[in-house]
Amino acid sequence: MSIYLTKEMFEQNLNTRFWLLDESSQPYALDLVEFANGHSTPRQEQFSLRFRGDRDQIFPQRIYPIKHDSMGDFDLFLVPIARDETGTFYEAVFNRMIPAGKDHAQQDPVQDPAQAQVR
């Protein structure tokens, strides 16, 4: 089951380790190093995340299964955006409509992973 990912969930887990699960047998460590609010309105939510991984490994832009100790398992669209002496950086951007009459923090969990990508 996928969860509805809120910006508060990521804010609470800033500077913690996430695990990218690709086709290899080993999970790949990503540290959430930055959270940035976008221009949100009562009807639209915008924020972005920046992760840092190993400098010598670059994963292409695509949707990856992610695991986190407190947030659980979910899919996330990651884009490699930079590389320096400290690692390779990936960005995830959230830009979604908030249904009328609902606060984004009160959203119901998303049952279908395909629906999680649309929201």
N, C-alpha and C. Protein backbone atom coordinates (compact mmCIF):
# COMPACT_ATOMS: atom_id res chain seq x y z
N MET A 1 0.84 -1.18 0.00
CA MET A 1 0.00 0.00 0.00
C MET A 1 0.89 1.24 0.00
N SER A 2 0.59 2.18 -0.87
CA SER A 2 1.29 3.46 -0.90
C SER A 2 0.63 4.41 0.07
N ILE A 3 1.40 5.38 0.52
CA ILE A 3 0.89 6.38 1.45
C ILE A 3 0.83 7.72 0.75
N TYR A 4 -0.01 8.61 1.27
CA TYR A 4 -0.05 9.97 0.76
C TYR A 4 1.08 10.73 1.44
N LEU A 5 2.06 11.12 0.70
CA LEU A 5 3.25 11.77 1.24
C LEU A 5 2.99 13.25 1.44
N THR A 6 3.17 13.72 2.66
CA THR A 6 2.96 15.13 2.97
C THR A 6 4.29 15.83 3.16
N LYS A 7 4.27 17.14 2.99
CA LYS A 7 5.52 17.88 3.21
C LYS A 7 5.95 17.80 4.66
N GLU A 8 4.99 17.71 5.59
CA GLU A 8 5.33 17.58 7.00
C GLU A 8 6.11 16.29 7.27
N MET A 9 5.75 15.23 6.57
CA MET A 9 6.47 13.96 6.74
C MET A 9 7.94 14.12 6.37
N PHE A 10 8.19 14.82 5.28
CA PHE A 10 9.58 15.01 4.86
C PHE A 10 10.31 16.00 5.76
N GLU A 11 9.63 17.07 6.17
CA GLU A 11 10.25 18.02 7.09
C GLU A 11 10.71 17.33 8.37
N GLN A 12 9.88 16.43 8.88
CA GLN A 12 10.21 15.71 10.11
C GLN A 12 11.36 14.73 9.92
N ASN A 13 11.62 14.35 8.67
CA ASN A 13 12.67 13.37 8.39
C ASN A 13 13.85 13.95 7.63
N LEU A 14 14.01 15.27 7.71
CA LEU A 14 15.17 15.93 7.12
C LEU A 14 16.43 15.41 7.82
N ASN A 15 17.47 15.21 7.05
CA ASN A 15 18.76 14.69 7.56
C ASN A 15 18.66 13.25 8.06
N THR A 16 17.77 12.48 7.46
CA THR A 16 17.71 11.05 7.76
C THR A 16 17.98 10.26 6.49
N ARG A 17 18.17 8.98 6.64
CA ARG A 17 18.55 8.11 5.52
C ARG A 17 17.32 7.44 4.91
N PHE A 18 17.28 7.48 3.59
CA PHE A 18 16.28 6.79 2.78
C PHE A 18 17.03 5.74 1.97
N TRP A 19 16.30 4.74 1.49
CA TRP A 19 16.93 3.67 0.71
C TRP A 19 16.25 3.56 -0.65
N LEU A 20 17.03 3.75 -1.72
CA LEU A 20 16.56 3.55 -3.08
C LEU A 20 16.71 2.07 -3.38
N LEU A 21 15.64 1.46 -3.86
CA LEU A 21 15.64 0.04 -4.16
C LEU A 21 15.59 -0.13 -5.68
N ASP A 22 16.74 -0.34 -6.30
CA ASP A 22 16.75 -0.53 -7.75
C ASP A 22 16.78 -2.02 -8.05
N GLU A 23 17.15 -2.37 -9.26
CA GLU A 23 17.14 -3.77 -9.68
C GLU A 23 18.25 -4.60 -9.04
N SER A 24 19.27 -3.96 -8.48
CA SER A 24 20.35 -4.72 -7.86
C SER A 24 19.88 -5.29 -6.53
N SER A 25 20.66 -6.16 -5.98
CA SER A 25 20.27 -6.80 -4.73
C SER A 25 20.54 -5.92 -3.51
N GLN A 26 21.32 -4.85 -3.68
CA GLN A 26 21.68 -3.99 -2.56
C GLN A 26 20.91 -2.68 -2.60
N PRO A 27 20.30 -2.27 -1.47
CA PRO A 27 19.69 -0.94 -1.43
C PRO A 27 20.77 0.14 -1.46
N TYR A 28 20.41 1.29 -1.98
CA TYR A 28 21.33 2.40 -2.17
C TYR A 28 20.95 3.53 -1.21
N ALA A 29 21.87 3.98 -0.38
CA ALA A 29 21.59 5.00 0.63
C ALA A 29 21.48 6.39 0.02
N LEU A 30 20.43 7.11 0.40
CA LEU A 30 20.23 8.51 0.04
C LEU A 30 19.90 9.27 1.32
N ASP A 31 20.58 10.37 1.55
CA ASP A 31 20.30 11.21 2.71
C ASP A 31 19.47 12.41 2.26
N LEU A 32 18.37 12.66 2.96
CA LEU A 32 17.55 13.84 2.67
C LEU A 32 18.25 15.05 3.28
N VAL A 33 18.84 15.88 2.42
CA VAL A 33 19.68 16.98 2.90
C VAL A 33 19.02 18.35 2.79
N GLU A 34 17.92 18.44 2.05
CA GLU A 34 17.29 19.75 1.89
C GLU A 34 15.80 19.59 1.63
N PHE A 35 15.03 20.45 2.25
CA PHE A 35 13.59 20.56 2.02
C PHE A 35 13.33 22.02 1.67
N ALA A 36 12.59 22.28 0.59
CA ALA A 36 12.29 23.65 0.20
C ALA A 36 10.80 23.80 -0.10
N ASN A 37 10.17 24.79 0.54
CA ASN A 37 8.79 25.11 0.23
C ASN A 37 8.73 25.82 -1.10
N GLY A 38 7.71 25.51 -1.87
CA GLY A 38 7.46 26.23 -3.11
C GLY A 38 6.41 27.29 -2.87
N HIS A 39 5.77 27.74 -3.93
CA HIS A 39 4.71 28.74 -3.83
C HIS A 39 3.38 28.01 -3.71
N SER A 40 3.00 27.65 -2.50
CA SER A 40 1.74 26.94 -2.27
C SER A 40 0.60 27.94 -2.08
N THR A 41 -0.60 27.48 -2.42
CA THR A 41 -1.82 28.25 -2.23
C THR A 41 -2.82 27.34 -1.52
N PRO A 42 -4.00 27.88 -1.15
CA PRO A 42 -4.99 27.00 -0.51
C PRO A 42 -5.42 25.83 -1.42
N ARG A 43 -5.23 25.96 -2.72
CA ARG A 43 -5.64 24.91 -3.66
C ARG A 43 -4.48 24.13 -4.26
N GLN A 44 -3.25 24.57 -4.03
CA GLN A 44 -2.10 23.91 -4.66
C GLN A 44 -0.94 23.85 -3.68
N GLU A 45 -0.29 22.69 -3.66
CA GLU A 45 0.86 22.49 -2.77
C GLU A 45 2.11 22.28 -3.60
N GLN A 46 3.19 23.00 -3.26
CA GLN A 46 4.46 22.87 -3.95
C GLN A 46 5.59 22.78 -2.94
N PHE A 47 6.47 21.78 -3.12
CA PHE A 47 7.69 21.69 -2.34
C PHE A 47 8.66 20.78 -3.06
N SER A 48 9.92 20.88 -2.69
CA SER A 48 10.93 20.02 -3.32
C SER A 48 11.86 19.45 -2.26
N LEU A 49 12.49 18.34 -2.63
CA LEU A 49 13.41 17.62 -1.76
C LEU A 49 14.72 17.43 -2.48
N ARG A 50 15.81 17.49 -1.74
CA ARG A 50 17.12 17.20 -2.31
C ARG A 50 17.77 16.09 -1.48
N PHE A 51 18.17 15.04 -2.19
CA PHE A 51 18.83 13.90 -1.57
C PHE A 51 20.29 13.86 -2.02
N ARG A 52 21.16 13.34 -1.17
CA ARG A 52 22.56 13.13 -1.54
C ARG A 52 22.88 11.65 -1.42
N GLY A 53 23.50 11.14 -2.48
CA GLY A 53 23.94 9.74 -2.51
C GLY A 53 25.43 9.66 -2.82
N ASP A 54 25.90 8.47 -3.03
CA ASP A 54 27.31 8.21 -3.33
C ASP A 54 27.74 8.95 -4.60
N ARG A 55 28.89 9.58 -4.55
CA ARG A 55 29.41 10.34 -5.69
C ARG A 55 29.65 9.47 -6.92
N ASP A 56 30.04 8.23 -6.71
CA ASP A 56 30.41 7.36 -7.82
C ASP A 56 29.24 6.63 -8.47
N GLN A 57 28.05 6.79 -7.95
CA GLN A 57 26.87 6.14 -8.52
C GLN A 57 25.88 7.20 -8.97
N ILE A 58 25.46 7.12 -10.23
CA ILE A 58 24.46 8.06 -10.74
C ILE A 58 23.29 7.24 -11.30
N PHE A 59 22.12 7.43 -10.72
CA PHE A 59 20.93 6.77 -11.21
C PHE A 59 20.21 7.69 -12.18
N PRO A 60 19.67 7.16 -13.28
CA PRO A 60 18.97 8.02 -14.24
C PRO A 60 17.63 8.49 -13.69
N GLN A 61 17.10 9.53 -14.30
CA GLN A 61 15.81 10.09 -13.94
C GLN A 61 14.73 9.04 -14.15
N ARG A 62 13.96 8.73 -13.10
CA ARG A 62 12.81 7.83 -13.22
C ARG A 62 12.15 7.65 -11.85
N ILE A 63 11.10 6.88 -11.82
CA ILE A 63 10.42 6.56 -10.57
C ILE A 63 11.14 5.38 -9.92
N TYR A 64 11.46 5.53 -8.63
CA TYR A 64 12.15 4.48 -7.88
C TYR A 64 11.35 4.08 -6.65
N PRO A 65 11.39 2.80 -6.29
CA PRO A 65 10.86 2.42 -4.98
C PRO A 65 11.82 2.91 -3.90
N ILE A 66 11.26 3.53 -2.87
CA ILE A 66 12.04 4.10 -1.77
C ILE A 66 11.56 3.48 -0.47
N LYS A 67 12.49 3.31 0.46
CA LYS A 67 12.15 2.78 1.79
C LYS A 67 12.74 3.72 2.84
N HIS A 68 11.97 3.93 3.90
CA HIS A 68 12.43 4.76 5.02
C HIS A 68 11.97 4.11 6.31
N ASP A 69 12.81 4.16 7.34
CA ASP A 69 12.50 3.48 8.60
C ASP A 69 11.18 3.92 9.22
N SER A 70 10.87 5.22 9.19
CA SER A 70 9.62 5.66 9.83
C SER A 70 8.50 5.95 8.83
N MET A 71 8.83 6.28 7.57
CA MET A 71 7.81 6.60 6.58
C MET A 71 7.31 5.38 5.82
N GLY A 72 8.07 4.31 5.82
CA GLY A 72 7.66 3.11 5.10
C GLY A 72 8.15 3.08 3.67
N ASP A 73 7.42 2.34 2.83
CA ASP A 73 7.77 2.15 1.42
C ASP A 73 6.87 3.01 0.54
N PHE A 74 7.46 3.63 -0.48
CA PHE A 74 6.71 4.45 -1.42
C PHE A 74 7.54 4.63 -2.68
N ASP A 75 6.91 5.11 -3.73
CA ASP A 75 7.59 5.40 -4.99
C ASP A 75 7.84 6.90 -5.08
N LEU A 76 8.98 7.26 -5.69
CA LEU A 76 9.34 8.66 -5.81
C LEU A 76 10.06 8.89 -7.14
N PHE A 77 9.67 9.95 -7.85
CA PHE A 77 10.33 10.33 -9.10
C PHE A 77 11.56 11.16 -8.74
N LEU A 78 12.74 10.64 -9.06
CA LEU A 78 14.00 11.31 -8.74
C LEU A 78 14.73 11.72 -10.01
N VAL A 79 15.37 12.88 -9.95
CA VAL A 79 16.15 13.41 -11.07
C VAL A 79 17.54 13.75 -10.55
N PRO A 80 18.59 13.21 -11.19
CA PRO A 80 19.94 13.62 -10.78
C PRO A 80 20.16 15.06 -11.22
N ILE A 81 20.63 15.91 -10.28
CA ILE A 81 20.74 17.34 -10.62
C ILE A 81 22.15 17.90 -10.45
N ALA A 82 22.99 17.22 -9.70
CA ALA A 82 24.35 17.76 -9.48
C ALA A 82 25.24 16.68 -8.89
N ARG A 83 26.54 16.95 -8.99
CA ARG A 83 27.53 16.06 -8.37
C ARG A 83 28.72 16.89 -7.96
N ASP A 84 29.18 16.68 -6.73
CA ASP A 84 30.40 17.35 -6.27
C ASP A 84 31.21 16.36 -5.44
N GLU A 85 32.18 16.87 -4.69
CA GLU A 85 33.05 15.98 -3.92
C GLU A 85 32.31 15.26 -2.79
N THR A 86 31.12 15.77 -2.40
CA THR A 86 30.38 15.13 -1.31
C THR A 86 29.39 14.08 -1.78
N GLY A 87 29.05 14.08 -3.07
CA GLY A 87 28.12 13.07 -3.56
C GLY A 87 27.36 13.49 -4.80
N THR A 88 26.42 12.64 -5.19
CA THR A 88 25.50 12.90 -6.29
C THR A 88 24.18 13.35 -5.68
N PHE A 89 23.60 14.42 -6.22
CA PHE A 89 22.37 14.98 -5.68
C PHE A 89 21.19 14.68 -6.59
N TYR A 90 20.07 14.36 -5.96
CA TYR A 90 18.82 14.03 -6.67
C TYR A 90 17.72 14.93 -6.13
N GLU A 91 16.79 15.30 -7.02
CA GLU A 91 15.68 16.15 -6.61
C GLU A 91 14.35 15.45 -6.88
N ALA A 92 13.42 15.66 -5.97
CA ALA A 92 12.02 15.25 -6.14
C ALA A 92 11.17 16.49 -5.95
N VAL A 93 10.27 16.75 -6.89
CA VAL A 93 9.44 17.95 -6.84
C VAL A 93 7.98 17.53 -6.71
N PHE A 94 7.29 18.16 -5.78
CA PHE A 94 5.86 17.93 -5.58
C PHE A 94 5.12 19.20 -5.98
N ASN A 95 4.15 19.06 -6.87
CA ASN A 95 3.32 20.17 -7.34
C ASN A 95 1.95 19.57 -7.62
N ARG A 96 1.05 19.73 -6.68
CA ARG A 96 -0.23 19.04 -6.80
C ARG A 96 -1.38 19.90 -6.29
N MET A 97 -2.55 19.60 -6.84
CA MET A 97 -3.77 20.28 -6.43
C MET A 97 -4.27 19.66 -5.12
N ILE A 98 -4.87 20.50 -4.28
CA ILE A 98 -5.49 20.05 -3.05
C ILE A 98 -7.00 20.05 -3.31
N PRO A 99 -7.67 18.91 -3.17
CA PRO A 99 -9.12 18.88 -3.43
C PRO A 99 -9.87 19.88 -2.57
N ALA A 100 -10.90 20.48 -3.14
CA ALA A 100 -11.71 21.48 -2.43
C ALA A 100 -12.26 20.89 -1.14
N GLY A 101 -12.17 21.69 -0.08
CA GLY A 101 -12.72 21.27 1.20
C GLY A 101 -11.83 20.34 2.00
N LYS A 102 -10.63 20.07 1.50
CA LYS A 102 -9.72 19.18 2.22
C LYS A 102 -8.40 19.86 2.44
N ASP A 103 -7.90 19.72 3.63
CA ASP A 103 -6.54 20.16 3.95
C ASP A 103 -5.62 19.04 3.49
N HIS A 104 -4.47 19.37 2.90
CA HIS A 104 -3.57 18.33 2.40
C HIS A 104 -3.14 17.37 3.49
N ALA A 105 -3.11 17.78 4.73
CA ALA A 105 -2.70 16.90 5.82
C ALA A 105 -3.80 15.90 6.18
N GLN A 106 -5.02 16.14 5.67
CA GLN A 106 -6.14 15.24 5.99
C GLN A 106 -6.45 14.29 4.84
N GLN A 107 -5.61 14.22 3.84
CA GLN A 107 -5.84 13.34 2.70
C GLN A 107 -5.90 11.89 3.16
N ASP A 108 -6.73 11.12 2.49
CA ASP A 108 -6.78 9.69 2.75
C ASP A 108 -5.57 9.02 2.12
N PRO A 109 -5.10 7.91 2.69
CA PRO A 109 -3.98 7.19 2.08
C PRO A 109 -4.34 6.76 0.67
N VAL A 110 -3.38 6.77 -0.21
CA VAL A 110 -3.57 6.36 -1.58
C VAL A 110 -3.34 4.86 -1.66
N GLN A 111 -4.31 4.13 -2.18
CA GLN A 111 -4.21 2.68 -2.26
C GLN A 111 -3.44 2.21 -3.48
N ASP A 112 -3.59 2.90 -4.59
CA ASP A 112 -2.99 2.50 -5.85
C ASP A 112 -1.76 3.35 -6.13
N PRO A 113 -0.54 2.73 -6.31
CA PRO A 113 0.66 3.52 -6.57
C PRO A 113 0.53 4.43 -7.78
N ALA A 114 -0.24 4.02 -8.79
CA ALA A 114 -0.41 4.86 -9.98
C ALA A 114 -1.12 6.15 -9.62
N GLN A 115 -2.06 6.10 -8.68
CA GLN A 115 -2.76 7.31 -8.25
C GLN A 115 -1.83 8.23 -7.48
N ALA A 116 -0.86 7.67 -6.78
CA ALA A 116 0.08 8.49 -6.00
C ALA A 116 0.88 9.40 -6.93
N GLN A 117 1.14 8.96 -8.15
CA GLN A 117 1.94 9.76 -9.08
C GLN A 117 1.13 10.91 -9.65
N VAL A 118 -0.20 10.78 -9.70
CA VAL A 118 -1.06 11.81 -10.30
C VAL A 118 -1.28 12.96 -9.35
N ARG A 119 -1.36 12.67 -8.06
CA ARG A 119 -1.72 13.70 -7.08
C ARG A 119 -0.67 14.73 -6.89
